[in-house]
Amino acid sequence: MLRPDDVRAASAFLDRVVVDELIKRSDAALAREVVSLGFSSPWGPAWAGELTADLSELRDFFAAAAAAGDAMVKFESA
């Protein structure tokens, strides 16, 4: 469970992340991860664009939750 303070902290962190720079710096690691997970299409600009969009949506989601003072339940599955 993420309490409201945790949600605000996560939102503040995500707000400081420059997504394009993070993806560029992580390019080689992301390419290796795509291969290790067995995807048929290699890492490239299309994947980078999708990841950028996903991270932007995540940032917006946390920002809205933080502004509302919401808590979150984090669920992990294998």
Protein backbone atom coordinates (compact mmCIF):
# COMPACT_ATOMS: atom_id res chain seq x y z
CA MET A 1 0.00 0.00 0.00
CA LEU A 2 1.23 3.46 -0.82
CA ARG A 3 -0.01 5.98 1.69
CA PRO A 4 -0.81 9.52 0.50
CA ASP A 5 2.67 10.72 1.53
CA ASP A 6 4.22 7.87 -0.48
CA VAL A 7 2.08 8.76 -3.50
CA ARG A 8 3.18 12.40 -3.23
CA ALA A 9 6.83 11.33 -2.98
CA ALA A 10 6.49 9.05 -6.02
CA SER A 11 4.76 11.82 -7.94
CA ALA A 12 7.52 14.29 -7.07
CA PHE A 13 10.15 11.78 -8.21
CA LEU A 14 8.35 11.07 -11.50
CA ASP A 15 7.92 14.79 -12.08
CA ARG A 16 11.71 15.25 -11.98
CA VAL A 17 12.48 12.41 -14.41
CA VAL A 18 13.30 13.59 -17.91
CA VAL A 19 11.87 10.59 -19.71
CA ASP A 20 13.56 11.09 -23.09
CA GLU A 21 16.98 11.41 -21.47
CA LEU A 22 16.38 8.40 -19.24
CA ILE A 23 15.44 6.26 -22.22
CA LYS A 24 18.41 7.47 -24.27
CA ARG A 25 20.83 6.72 -21.41
CA SER A 26 19.24 3.29 -20.89
CA ASP A 27 19.09 2.37 -24.58
CA ALA A 28 21.55 -0.53 -24.45
CA ALA A 29 20.09 -1.95 -21.23
CA LEU A 30 16.57 -1.73 -22.63
CA ALA A 31 17.68 -3.50 -25.82
CA ARG A 32 19.19 -6.33 -23.75
CA GLU A 33 16.02 -6.62 -21.66
CA VAL A 34 13.82 -6.88 -24.75
CA VAL A 35 16.02 -9.71 -26.05
CA SER A 36 16.13 -11.48 -22.67
CA LEU A 37 12.32 -11.43 -22.46
CA GLY A 38 12.09 -13.10 -25.88
CA PHE A 39 10.27 -10.42 -27.83
CA SER A 40 10.37 -10.93 -31.58
CA SER A 41 10.74 -7.24 -32.41
CA PRO A 42 14.00 -5.59 -31.35
CA TRP A 43 14.30 -2.48 -29.22
CA GLY A 44 14.10 0.63 -31.34
CA PRO A 45 12.36 3.98 -31.86
CA ALA A 46 8.86 2.47 -31.79
CA TRP A 47 9.51 0.83 -28.41
CA ALA A 48 11.09 4.02 -27.09
CA GLY A 49 8.04 6.03 -28.15
CA GLU A 50 5.67 3.60 -26.43
CA LEU A 51 7.75 3.62 -23.26
CA THR A 52 7.85 7.42 -23.29
CA ALA A 53 4.06 7.53 -23.60
CA ASP A 54 3.60 4.94 -20.83
CA LEU A 55 5.89 6.79 -18.44
CA SER A 56 4.11 10.07 -19.18
CA GLU A 57 0.77 8.43 -18.39
CA LEU A 58 2.22 7.01 -15.17
CA ARG A 59 3.50 10.46 -14.17
CA ASP A 60 0.05 11.98 -14.85
CA PHE A 61 -1.67 9.19 -12.89
CA PHE A 62 0.53 9.73 -9.83
CA ALA A 63 0.17 13.52 -10.10
CA ALA A 64 -3.63 13.25 -10.08
CA ALA A 65 -3.59 10.83 -7.16
CA ALA A 66 -1.18 13.04 -5.22
CA ALA A 67 -3.30 16.13 -5.86
CA ALA A 68 -6.39 14.28 -4.59
CA GLY A 69 -4.56 13.01 -1.50
CA ASP A 70 -5.21 9.41 -2.53
CA ALA A 71 -3.49 6.29 -1.32
CA MET A 72 -2.77 3.41 -3.71
CA VAL A 73 -2.72 -0.34 -3.48
CA LYS A 74 0.13 -1.83 -5.45
CA PHE A 75 -0.46 -5.34 -6.78
CA GLU A 76 2.35 -7.48 -8.15
CA SER A 77 1.93 -10.71 -10.03
CA ALA A 78 4.44 -13.09 -11.50
